[in-house]
C-alpha atoms as a PDB file:
ATOM      1  CA  MET A   1     -25.683  63.516 -64.565  1.00  0.00           C
ATOM      2  CA  ARG A   2     -24.405  60.416 -63.654  1.00  0.00           C
ATOM      3  CA  ARG A   3     -26.618  57.702 -62.100  1.00  0.00           C
ATOM      4  CA  ALA A   4     -26.103  57.022 -58.294  1.00  0.00           C
ATOM      5  CA  PHE A   5     -23.055  53.979 -58.677  1.00  0.00           C
ATOM      6  CA  ALA A   6     -20.707  56.291 -57.360  1.00  0.00           C
ATOM      7  CA  LEU A   7     -22.222  56.886 -53.870  1.00  0.00           C
ATOM      8  CA  ALA A   8     -22.877  52.963 -53.836  1.00  0.00           C
ATOM      9  CA  ALA A   9     -18.648  53.129 -55.020  1.00  0.00           C
ATOM     10  CA  VAL A  10     -17.842  55.285 -51.648  1.00  0.00           C
ATOM     11  CA  ALA A  11     -19.970  53.078 -49.206  1.00  0.00           C
ATOM     12  CA  LEU A  12     -18.239  49.704 -50.369  1.00  0.00           C
ATOM     13  CA  ALA A  13     -14.952  52.047 -50.144  1.00  0.00           C
ATOM     14  CA  PHE A  14     -15.421  53.510 -46.439  1.00  0.00           C
ATOM     15  CA  ALA A  15     -17.607  50.906 -45.229  1.00  0.00           C
ATOM     16  CA  ALA A  16     -15.832  49.428 -41.802  1.00  0.00           C
ATOM     17  CA  GLN A  17     -16.555  46.769 -41.065  1.00  0.00           C
ATOM     18  CA  GLY A  18     -13.994  43.628 -41.152  1.00  0.00           C
ATOM     19  CA  ALA A  19     -14.766  40.437 -43.364  1.00  0.00           C
ATOM     20  CA  HIS A  20     -15.381  37.113 -41.035  1.00  0.00           C
ATOM     21  CA  PRO A  21     -13.628  34.273 -42.312  1.00  0.00           C
ATOM     22  CA  GLU A  22     -15.838  31.490 -41.705  1.00  0.00           C
ATOM     23  CA  GLU A  23     -18.327  32.538 -43.921  1.00  0.00           C
ATOM     24  CA  LYS A  24     -19.634  31.060 -46.968  1.00  0.00           C
ATOM     25  CA  PHE A  25     -20.226  33.445 -49.330  1.00  0.00           C
ATOM     26  CA  THR A  26     -16.269  35.536 -49.237  1.00  0.00           C
ATOM     27  CA  LYS A  27     -15.175  34.273 -52.525  1.00  0.00           C
ATOM     28  CA  GLY A  28     -16.378  33.720 -56.110  1.00  0.00           C
ATOM     29  CA  LEU A  29     -18.247  36.175 -58.552  1.00  0.00           C
ATOM     30  CA  LEU A  30     -20.805  34.017 -60.512  1.00  0.00           C
ATOM     31  CA  TRP A  31     -23.066  31.018 -59.006  1.00  0.00           C
ATOM     32  CA  ARG A  32     -25.401  28.954 -59.794  1.00  0.00           C
ATOM     33  CA  VAL A  33     -29.423  28.836 -57.819  1.00  0.00           C
ATOM     34  CA  SER A  34     -31.156  25.370 -58.091  1.00  0.00           C
ATOM     35  CA  GLY A  35     -34.608  24.454 -57.019  1.00  0.00           C
ATOM     36  CA  ALA A  36     -35.919  21.091 -56.962  1.00  0.00           C
ATOM     37  CA  ALA A  37     -38.120  21.718 -60.025  1.00  0.00           C
ATOM     38  CA  ALA A  38     -37.359  24.943 -61.982  1.00  0.00           C
ATOM     39  CA  ALA A  39     -33.977  25.129 -64.037  1.00  0.00           C
ATOM     40  CA  PRO A  40     -31.033  26.974 -62.671  1.00  0.00           C
ATOM     41  CA  SER A  41     -30.763  30.931 -62.752  1.00  0.00           C
ATOM     42  CA  TYR A  42     -27.504  32.703 -61.984  1.00  0.00           C
ATOM     43  CA  VAL A  43     -26.182  35.391 -60.335  1.00  0.00           C
ATOM     44  CA  PHE A  44     -23.034  36.855 -61.317  1.00  0.00           C
ATOM     45  CA  GLY A  45     -21.636  40.142 -59.104  1.00  0.00           C
ATOM     46  CA  THR A  46     -20.763  43.371 -61.453  1.00  0.00           C
ATOM     47  CA  ILE A  47     -18.230  46.058 -60.432  1.00  0.00           C
ATOM     48  CA  HIS A  48     -20.349  49.261 -61.796  1.00  0.00           C
ATOM     49  CA  VAL A  49     -17.169  50.565 -63.450  1.00  0.00           C
ATOM     50  CA  ALA A  50     -15.834  51.097 -67.302  1.00  0.00           C
ATOM     51  CA  ASP A  51     -12.236  50.102 -67.095  1.00  0.00           C
ATOM     52  CA  PRO A  52     -10.840  48.178 -69.748  1.00  0.00           C
ATOM     53  CA  ARG A  53      -9.319  45.551 -67.500  1.00  0.00           C
ATOM     54  CA  VAL A  54     -13.140  44.215 -66.189  1.00  0.00           C
ATOM     55  CA  LEU A  55     -15.159  44.521 -69.122  1.00  0.00           C
ATOM     56  CA  ASP A  56     -13.663  40.573 -70.887  1.00  0.00           C
ATOM     57  CA  LEU A  57     -16.562  38.142 -69.809  1.00  0.00           C
ATOM     58  CA  PRO A  58     -14.869  35.271 -69.052  1.00  0.00           C
ATOM     59  CA  GLU A  59     -15.901  31.888 -70.295  1.00  0.00           C
ATOM     60  CA  PRO A  60     -18.433  30.963 -67.257  1.00  0.00           C
ATOM     61  CA  VAL A  61     -20.907  33.268 -67.576  1.00  0.00           C
ATOM     62  CA  SER A  62     -20.588  33.792 -71.303  1.00  0.00           C
ATOM     63  CA  ARG A  63     -22.057  30.473 -71.162  1.00  0.00           C
ATOM     64  CA  ALA A  64     -24.826  31.274 -68.072  1.00  0.00           C
ATOM     65  CA  LEU A  65     -26.608  34.278 -69.722  1.00  0.00           C
ATOM     66  CA  ALA A  66     -26.641  32.150 -73.351  1.00  0.00           C
ATOM     67  CA  ARG A  67     -28.281  29.956 -71.221  1.00  0.00           C
ATOM     68  CA  SER A  68     -30.624  32.110 -69.434  1.00  0.00           C
ATOM     69  CA  ARG A  69     -34.195  33.173 -70.274  1.00  0.00           C
ATOM     70  CA  ARG A  70     -34.594  36.473 -68.805  1.00  0.00           C
ATOM     71  CA  TYR A  71     -31.834  38.702 -67.912  1.00  0.00           C
ATOM     72  CA  TYR A  72     -32.092  40.782 -64.009  1.00  0.00           C
ATOM     73  CA  MET A  73     -30.639  44.239 -63.018  1.00  0.00           C
ATOM     74  CA  GLU A  74     -30.134  46.597 -59.933  1.00  0.00           C
ATOM     75  CA  SER A  75     -32.720  48.822 -61.786  1.00  0.00           C
ATOM     76  CA  THR A  76     -33.244  49.220 -65.497  1.00  0.00           C
ATOM     77  CA  GLN A  77     -31.001  52.907 -66.783  1.00  0.00           C
ATOM     78  CA  GLY A  78     -33.445  54.337 -69.974  1.00  0.00           C
ATOM     79  CA  GLU A  79     -34.202  57.991 -70.725  1.00  0.00           C
ATOM     80  CA  ARG A  80     -37.470  58.573 -69.306  1.00  0.00           C
ATOM     81  CA  GLU A  81     -35.422  56.908 -65.362  1.00  0.00           C
ATOM     82  CA  ALA A  82     -32.071  59.223 -66.223  1.00  0.00           C
ATOM     83  CA  LEU A  83     -34.254  62.852 -66.415  1.00  0.00           C
ATOM     84  CA  ARG A  84     -36.697  61.813 -63.546  1.00  0.00           C
ATOM     85  CA  PHE A  85     -33.189  61.012 -62.140  1.00  0.00           C
ATOM     86  CA  PHE A  86     -31.744  64.380 -62.125  1.00  0.00           C
ATOM     87  CA  GLU A  87     -35.299  65.714 -61.275  1.00  0.00           C
ATOM     88  CA  ALA A  88     -35.346  64.357 -57.911  1.00  0.00           C
ATOM     89  CA  GLY A  89     -31.773  65.339 -57.185  1.00  0.00           C
ATOM     90  CA  GLN A  90     -33.044  68.624 -57.121  1.00  0.00           C
ATOM     91  CA  PHE A  91     -34.905  70.846 -54.108  1.00  0.00           C
ATOM     92  CA  ASP A  92     -37.744  72.082 -55.236  1.00  0.00           C
ATOM     93  CA  ASP A  93     -38.633  73.827 -51.503  1.00  0.00           C
ATOM     94  CA  GLY A  94     -36.588  76.586 -52.063  1.00  0.00           C
ATOM     95  CA  ARG A  95     -33.092  74.688 -50.627  1.00  0.00           C
ATOM     96  CA  ARG A  96     -29.563  75.769 -51.508  1.00  0.00           C
ATOM     97  CA  LEU A  97     -26.954  73.596 -51.455  1.00  0.00           C
ATOM     98  CA  GLU A  98     -24.449  76.259 -50.722  1.00  0.00           C
ATOM     99  CA  PRO A  99     -26.039  77.966 -47.377  1.00  0.00           C
ATOM    100  CA  LEU A 100     -26.341  73.261 -45.980  1.00  0.00           C
ATOM    101  CA  ILE A 101     -22.000  72.842 -47.195  1.00  0.00           C
ATOM    102  CA  GLY A 102     -21.165  76.646 -47.645  1.00  0.00           C
ATOM    103  CA  ALA A 103     -19.514  78.970 -50.305  1.00  0.00           C
ATOM    104  CA  GLU A 104     -15.970  77.583 -50.050  1.00  0.00           C
ATOM    105  CA  PRO A 105     -17.177  73.673 -50.466  1.00  0.00           C
ATOM    106  CA  TYR A 106     -20.089  75.724 -53.046  1.00  0.00           C
ATOM    107  CA  ALA A 107     -17.264  77.115 -55.551  1.00  0.00           C
ATOM    108  CA  MET A 108     -15.489  74.065 -55.950  1.00  0.00           C
ATOM    109  CA  VAL A 109     -18.521  72.222 -56.351  1.00  0.00           C
ATOM    110  CA  ALA A 110     -19.612  74.725 -58.379  1.00  0.00           C
ATOM    111  CA  ALA A 111     -16.154  74.852 -61.141  1.00  0.00           C
ATOM    112  CA  MET A 112     -16.418  70.818 -61.477  1.00  0.00           C
ATOM    113  CA  LEU A 113     -20.333  71.213 -62.998  1.00  0.00           C
ATOM    114  CA  ARG A 114     -19.479  73.512 -65.115  1.00  0.00           C
ATOM    115  CA  GLU A 115     -17.096  71.990 -66.879  1.00  0.00           C
ATOM    116  CA  ARG A 116     -19.984  69.003 -67.571  1.00  0.00           C
ATOM    117  CA  GLN A 117     -21.686  72.341 -68.947  1.00  0.00           C
ATOM    118  CA  VAL A 118     -24.311  71.674 -65.937  1.00  0.00           C
ATOM    119  CA  PRO A 119     -26.297  75.423 -65.941  1.00  0.00           C
ATOM    120  CA  ASP A 120     -26.128  77.165 -62.471  1.00  0.00           C
ATOM    121  CA  GLU A 121     -28.863  77.727 -61.351  1.00  0.00           C
ATOM    122  CA  VAL A 122     -29.672  73.581 -61.889  1.00  0.00           C
ATOM    123  CA  ILE A 123     -25.993  73.589 -59.682  1.00  0.00           C
ATOM    124  CA  ALA A 124     -27.774  75.647 -56.645  1.00  0.00           C
ATOM    125  CA  ARG A 125     -31.031  73.533 -56.536  1.00  0.00           C
ATOM    126  CA  LEU A 126     -29.020  70.270 -56.457  1.00  0.00           C
ATOM    127  CA  LYS A 127     -29.585  67.758 -52.425  1.00  0.00           C
ATOM    128  CA  PRO A 128     -25.705  66.316 -52.112  1.00  0.00           C
ATOM    129  CA  TRP A 129     -26.615  62.961 -52.402  1.00  0.00           C
ATOM    130  CA  ALA A 130     -27.025  64.414 -56.824  1.00  0.00           C
ATOM    131  CA  VAL A 131     -23.563  66.185 -55.919  1.00  0.00           C
ATOM    132  CA  LEU A 132     -21.685  63.259 -54.091  1.00  0.00           C
ATOM    133  CA  ALA A 133     -22.977  60.907 -57.004  1.00  0.00           C
ATOM    134  CA  ASN A 134     -20.865  62.518 -59.537  1.00  0.00           C
ATOM    135  CA  LEU A 135     -17.894  63.326 -57.547  1.00  0.00           C
ATOM    136  CA  THR A 136     -16.642  61.218 -60.250  1.00  0.00           C
ATOM    137  CA  VAL A 137     -12.989  60.725 -61.602  1.00  0.00           C
ATOM    138  CA  THR A 138     -13.669  58.982 -64.638  1.00  0.00           C
ATOM    139  CA  PRO A 139      -9.185  58.026 -65.757  1.00  0.00           C
ATOM    140  CA  GLU A 140      -8.816  58.383 -70.184  1.00  0.00           C
ATOM    141  CA  ASP A 141      -7.970  55.054 -70.593  1.00  0.00           C
ATOM    142  CA  TYR A 142     -11.699  54.023 -68.958  1.00  0.00           C
ATOM    143  CA  GLU A 143     -14.061  52.996 -72.457  1.00  0.00           C
ATOM    144  CA  LYS A 144     -17.417  54.642 -72.364  1.00  0.00           C
ATOM    145  CA  VAL A 145     -20.286  52.004 -71.135  1.00  0.00           C
ATOM    146  CA  THR A 146     -19.441  50.195 -68.268  1.00  0.00           C
ATOM    147  CA  LEU A 147     -19.573  45.606 -67.292  1.00  0.00           C
ATOM    148  CA  ASP A 148     -23.164  46.515 -66.352  1.00  0.00           C
ATOM    149  CA  GLN A 149     -24.086  48.558 -69.727  1.00  0.00           C
ATOM    150  CA  LYS A 150     -21.969  45.539 -71.642  1.00  0.00           C
ATOM    151  CA  LEU A 151     -23.966  42.685 -69.868  1.00  0.00           C
ATOM    152  CA  VAL A 152     -27.368  44.478 -70.594  1.00  0.00           C
ATOM    153  CA  GLU A 153     -26.432  45.280 -74.266  1.00  0.00           C
ATOM    154  CA  LEU A 154     -24.715  40.762 -74.307  1.00  0.00           C
ATOM    155  CA  ALA A 155     -28.220  40.406 -72.553  1.00  0.00           C
ATOM    156  CA  ARG A 156     -30.895  42.054 -75.676  1.00  0.00           C
ATOM    157  CA  GLY A 157     -28.650  41.110 -78.130  1.00  0.00           C
ATOM    158  CA  ARG A 158     -29.399  37.213 -77.206  1.00  0.00           C
ATOM    159  CA  LYS A 159     -33.109  38.819 -77.006  1.00  0.00           C
ATOM    160  CA  LEU A 160     -33.839  38.387 -72.730  1.00  0.00           C
ATOM    161  CA  ARG A 161     -36.046  39.930 -71.830  1.00  0.00           C
ATOM    162  CA  VAL A 162     -34.024  42.665 -69.686  1.00  0.00           C
ATOM    163  CA  LEU A 163     -36.482  43.373 -66.208  1.00  0.00           C
ATOM    164  CA  GLY A 164     -35.304  46.130 -63.086  1.00  0.00           C
ATOM    165  CA  LEU A 165     -35.382  44.146 -60.055  1.00  0.00           C
ATOM    166  CA  GLU A 166     -36.457  47.702 -57.965  1.00  0.00           C
ATOM    167  CA  GLY A 167     -38.216  51.064 -59.352  1.00  0.00           C
ATOM    168  CA  ILE A 168     -36.424  54.455 -60.042  1.00  0.00           C
ATOM    169  CA  GLU A 169     -38.914  56.287 -57.142  1.00  0.00           C
ATOM    170  CA  GLU A 170     -37.185  53.293 -55.267  1.00  0.00           C
ATOM    171  CA  GLN A 171     -33.675  53.991 -55.824  1.00  0.00           C
ATOM    172  CA  ILE A 172     -35.380  57.883 -55.779  1.00  0.00           C
ATOM    173  CA  SER A 173     -36.438  56.982 -52.070  1.00  0.00           C
ATOM    174  CA  VAL A 174     -33.324  55.435 -50.967  1.00  0.00           C
ATOM    175  CA  PHE A 175     -31.081  58.896 -51.198  1.00  0.00           C
ATOM    176  CA  ASP A 176     -33.734  61.292 -50.324  1.00  0.00           C
ATOM    177  CA  ARG A 177     -34.039  58.853 -47.070  1.00  0.00           C
ATOM    178  CA  ILE A 178     -30.071  59.490 -45.917  1.00  0.00           C
ATOM    179  CA  PRO A 179     -30.152  62.396 -42.774  1.00  0.00           C
ATOM    180  CA  LEU A 180     -29.463  65.620 -44.728  1.00  0.00           C
ATOM    181  CA  ASP A 181     -26.787  65.770 -41.778  1.00  0.00           C
ATOM    182  CA  THR A 182     -25.181  62.423 -43.047  1.00  0.00           C
ATOM    183  CA  GLN A 183     -25.196  63.612 -46.819  1.00  0.00           C
ATOM    184  CA  VAL A 184     -24.013  67.220 -46.349  1.00  0.00           C
ATOM    185  CA  GLY A 185     -20.666  65.230 -44.346  1.00  0.00           C
ATOM    186  CA  LEU A 186     -20.332  63.182 -47.212  1.00  0.00           C
ATOM    187  CA  LEU A 187     -20.242  65.353 -49.626  1.00  0.00           C
ATOM    188  CA  ARG A 188     -18.028  67.572 -47.317  1.00  0.00           C
ATOM    189  CA  HIS A 189     -15.332  65.205 -47.044  1.00  0.00           C
ATOM    190  CA  ALA A 190     -14.969  63.120 -50.279  1.00  0.00           C
ATOM    191  CA  ILE A 191     -14.736  67.423 -51.473  1.00  0.00           C
ATOM    192  CA  GLU A 192     -12.296  67.266 -49.405  1.00  0.00           C
ATOM    193  CA  HIS A 193     -10.107  64.648 -50.223  1.00  0.00           C
ATOM    194  CA  ARG A 194     -11.935  63.354 -54.281  1.00  0.00           C
ATOM    195  CA  ASP A 195      -8.283  62.233 -55.060  1.00  0.00           C
ATOM    196  CA  GLU A 196      -7.960  59.987 -52.475  1.00  0.00           C
ATOM    197  CA  LEU A 197     -11.619  58.875 -52.893  1.00  0.00           C
ATOM    198  CA  ALA A 198     -10.862  58.136 -56.595  1.00  0.00           C
ATOM    199  CA  ALA A 199      -7.555  56.347 -55.549  1.00  0.00           C
ATOM    200  CA  MET A 200      -9.955  53.863 -52.912  1.00  0.00           C
ATOM    201  CA  ILE A 201     -11.510  51.982 -55.865  1.00  0.00           C
ATOM    202  CA  GLU A 202      -8.466  50.402 -57.398  1.00  0.00           C
ATOM    203  CA  PRO A 203      -8.334  47.616 -54.431  1.00  0.00           C
ATOM    204  CA  THR A 204     -11.708  47.349 -54.673  1.00  0.00           C
ATOM    205  CA  ILE A 205     -11.144  46.548 -59.012  1.00  0.00           C
ATOM    206  CA  GLN A 206      -8.198  43.917 -57.420  1.00  0.00           C
ATOM    207  CA  ALA A 207     -10.514  42.415 -55.618  1.00  0.00           C
ATOM    208  CA  TRP A 208     -12.584  42.073 -57.671  1.00  0.00           C
ATOM    209  CA  MET A 209     -10.117  40.302 -60.749  1.00  0.00           C
ATOM    210  CA  LYS A 210      -9.560  38.331 -57.697  1.00  0.00           C
ATOM    211  CA  ARG A 211     -13.213  36.788 -57.601  1.00  0.00           C
ATOM    212  CA  ASP A 212     -13.244  38.449 -54.162  1.00  0.00           C
ATOM    213  CA  LEU A 213     -16.222  38.824 -52.200  1.00  0.00           C
ATOM    214  CA  ALA A 214     -13.805  39.259 -48.979  1.00  0.00           C
ATOM    215  CA  GLY A 215     -11.634  41.584 -49.785  1.00  0.00           C
ATOM    216  CA  ILE A 216     -13.935  43.624 -52.258  1.00  0.00           C
ATOM    217  CA  HIS A 217     -15.639  44.211 -48.788  1.00  0.00           C
ATOM    218  CA  ARG A 218     -12.504  45.488 -46.680  1.00  0.00           C
ATOM    219  CA  ALA A 219     -11.478  47.189 -49.591  1.00  0.00           C
ATOM    220  CA  GLY A 220     -11.593  51.008 -47.709  1.00  0.00           C
ATOM    221  CA  TYR A 221     -11.465  49.537 -44.235  1.00  0.00           C
ATOM    222  CA  ARG A 222      -8.416  51.194 -43.434  1.00  0.00           C
ATOM    223  CA  ALA A 223      -9.915  54.580 -44.806  1.00  0.00           C
ATOM    224  CA  ALA A 224     -12.851  54.580 -41.924  1.00  0.00           C
ATOM    225  CA  ASP A 225     -10.150  54.044 -39.130  1.00  0.00           C
ATOM    226  CA  ARG A 226      -8.383  57.094 -40.736  1.00  0.00           C
ATOM    227  CA  TYR A 227     -11.263  59.496 -40.662  1.00  0.00           C
ATOM    228  CA  PRO A 228     -13.118  58.541 -37.043  1.00  0.00           C
ATOM    229  CA  GLU A 229     -14.679  62.109 -37.373  1.00  0.00           C
ATOM    230  CA  VAL A 230     -16.984  60.468 -40.330  1.00  0.00           C
ATOM    231  CA  ALA A 231     -17.340  57.229 -40.400  1.00  0.00           C
ATOM    232  CA  GLU A 232     -20.744  56.570 -39.168  1.00  0.00           C
ATOM    233  CA  HIS A 233     -21.944  58.976 -42.011  1.00  0.00           C
ATOM    234  CA  TYR A 234     -20.396  56.044 -44.026  1.00  0.00           C
ATOM    235  CA  ARG A 235     -21.512  52.871 -42.122  1.00  0.00           C
ATOM    236  CA  ILE A 236     -25.212  55.127 -42.859  1.00  0.00           C
ATOM    237  CA  LEU A 237     -24.584  55.014 -46.518  1.00  0.00           C
ATOM    238  CA  HIS A 238     -23.466  51.261 -46.146  1.00  0.00           C
ATOM    239  CA  ARG A 239     -26.139  50.552 -44.881  1.00  0.00           C
ATOM    240  CA  SER A 240     -28.787  52.406 -47.004  1.00  0.00           C
ATOM    241  CA  VAL A 241     -27.694  51.397 -50.616  1.00  0.00           C
ATOM    242  CA  VAL A 242     -25.352  47.927 -50.219  1.00  0.00           C
ATOM    243  CA  GLU A 243     -27.434  46.757 -47.050  1.00  0.00           C
ATOM    244  CA  ASN A 244     -31.203  47.089 -47.101  1.00  0.00           C
ATOM    245  CA  ARG A 245     -31.015  47.233 -50.721  1.00  0.00           C
ATOM    246  CA  SER A 246     -29.607  43.636 -50.414  1.00  0.00           C
ATOM    247  CA  VAL A 247     -32.333  42.538 -48.575  1.00  0.00           C
ATOM    248  CA  VAL A 248     -34.716  44.079 -50.561  1.00  0.00           C
ATOM    249  CA  MET A 249     -33.912  42.446 -54.329  1.00  0.00           C
ATOM    250  CA  ALA A 250     -32.940  39.056 -52.793  1.00  0.00           C
ATOM    251  CA  HIS A 251     -37.133  39.122 -51.879  1.00  0.00           C
ATOM    252  CA  ARG A 252     -37.967  40.472 -55.213  1.00  0.00           C
ATOM    253  CA  LEU A 253     -36.030  37.229 -56.384  1.00  0.00           C
ATOM    254  CA  PHE A 254     -38.270  35.209 -55.382  1.00  0.00           C
ATOM    255  CA  THR A 255     -40.908  34.552 -58.218  1.00  0.00           C
ATOM    256  CA  PRO A 256     -37.411  34.498 -61.045  1.00  0.00           C
ATOM    257  CA  LEU A 257     -35.826  32.001 -59.348  1.00  0.00           C
ATOM    258  CA  ARG A 258     -39.353  29.692 -58.918  1.00  0.00           C
ATOM    259  CA  GLU A 259     -39.291  29.769 -63.069  1.00  0.00           C
ATOM    260  CA  GLY A 260     -35.611  29.361 -63.498  1.00  0.00           C
ATOM    261  CA  GLY A 261     -33.673  30.359 -66.378  1.00  0.00           C
ATOM    262  CA  ALA A 262     -33.082  33.997 -64.820  1.00  0.00           C
ATOM    263  CA  PHE A 263     -29.333  35.727 -65.310  1.00  0.00           C
ATOM    264  CA  ILE A 264     -29.042  38.558 -61.883  1.00  0.00           C
ATOM    265  CA  ALA A 265     -26.394  40.925 -62.883  1.00  0.00           C
ATOM    266  CA  VAL A 266     -25.806  43.207 -59.086  1.00  0.00           C
ATOM    267  CA  GLY A 267     -23.019  44.172 -57.902  1.00  0.00           C
ATOM    268  CA  ALA A 268     -20.752  42.028 -56.343  1.00  0.00           C
ATOM    269  CA  THR A 269     -20.814  43.932 -53.099  1.00  0.00           C
ATOM    270  CA  HIS A 270     -24.460  42.773 -52.461  1.00  0.00           C
ATOM    271  CA  LEU A 271     -23.336  38.640 -52.926  1.00  0.00           C
ATOM    272  CA  TYR A 272     -20.832  38.851 -49.937  1.00  0.00           C
ATOM    273  CA  GLY A 273     -20.922  37.323 -46.106  1.00  0.00           C
ATOM    274  CA  ALA A 274     -23.959  36.244 -43.842  1.00  0.00           C
ATOM    275  CA  GLU A 275     -26.527  39.392 -45.050  1.00  0.00           C
ATOM    276  CA  GLY A 276     -25.497  39.549 -48.605  1.00  0.00           C
ATOM    277  CA  MET A 277     -27.831  38.123 -51.084  1.00  0.00           C
ATOM    278  CA  LEU A 278     -26.454  34.548 -51.653  1.00  0.00           C
ATOM    279  CA  ALA A 279     -27.005  33.850 -48.112  1.00  0.00           C
ATOM    280  CA  LEU A 280     -30.888  35.218 -48.481  1.00  0.00           C
ATOM    281  CA  ILE A 281     -31.183  33.190 -51.317  1.00  0.00           C
ATOM    282  CA  GLU A 282     -29.884  30.793 -50.021  1.00  0.00           C
ATOM    283  CA  LYS A 283     -31.978  31.130 -46.711  1.00  0.00           C
ATOM    284  CA  GLN A 284     -35.488  30.381 -49.074  1.00  0.00           C
ATOM    285  CA  GLY A 285     -34.524  27.285 -49.565  1.00  0.00           C
ATOM    286  CA  TYR A 286     -32.607  26.977 -52.811  1.00  0.00           C
ATOM    287  CA  ARG A 287     -28.875  25.484 -53.183  1.00  0.00           C
ATOM    288  CA  VAL A 288     -26.331  27.789 -54.298  1.00  0.00           C
ATOM    289  CA  GLU A 289     -22.888  27.293 -55.800  1.00  0.00           C
ATOM    290  CA  ARG A 290     -20.393  29.244 -57.245  1.00  0.00           C
ATOM    291  CA  VAL A 291     -19.229  28.121 -60.579  1.00  0.00           C
ATOM    292  CA  TYR A 292     -17.134  31.153 -60.869  1.00  0.00           C
END
């Protein structure tokens, strides 16, 4: 089963909020964070895909990684975490997926997951958010690793200590706390519009390649207008997966930034605007400067 990065992509693609040009943190992927005493740290906005166009690290990012002593990612992704995530994505209280979403959508989900060798008894118990996390369309030219995974490999190759900003139980709780009616509404909509959702990723990739945080933020603005009947569900998802987690991760960086020498890699959508991680870090008293 895939980790829930797809949920963040969907939340981003349908965020029904416009960008504000006057805001400070609207462009740039790599930022230097410096204080009075500590060595500088760096914050890099990634994109959670394996598209070959995003896998070549720009030189400023490579240099920043080489200068760092510790590497911080959104969450660790080892075998233990993957197993726990898989387990948590299934109902353990007798509830089943088909009565929640209906027979026809369930048949489509079951057919898709059977192709991925997911047993029928597991499919029947899946929570709607777990299915939504797996409604991904992977182009044939994609690589085997995402940009995030490549960065972790490079960090470990440089003997950096690798740490997560959130634990697996915290990540699970983010999705479990999404109201069930929102989970069901999002899943039904995603099944009906799967190809369209997949196409929404390309504008996000294009904005990322232009280092345009505001463009990433508004990548799917028109789609939210197009489907007003589910726009509120997507706003709830965006608030849960992006906004709330940005606050938590910025708070977790209090000690690492005081110590300095940290390289922090999080999804670029967490960096945007007055409520993003960069603004929250700046409010802690640090100088935040765009490097790339």
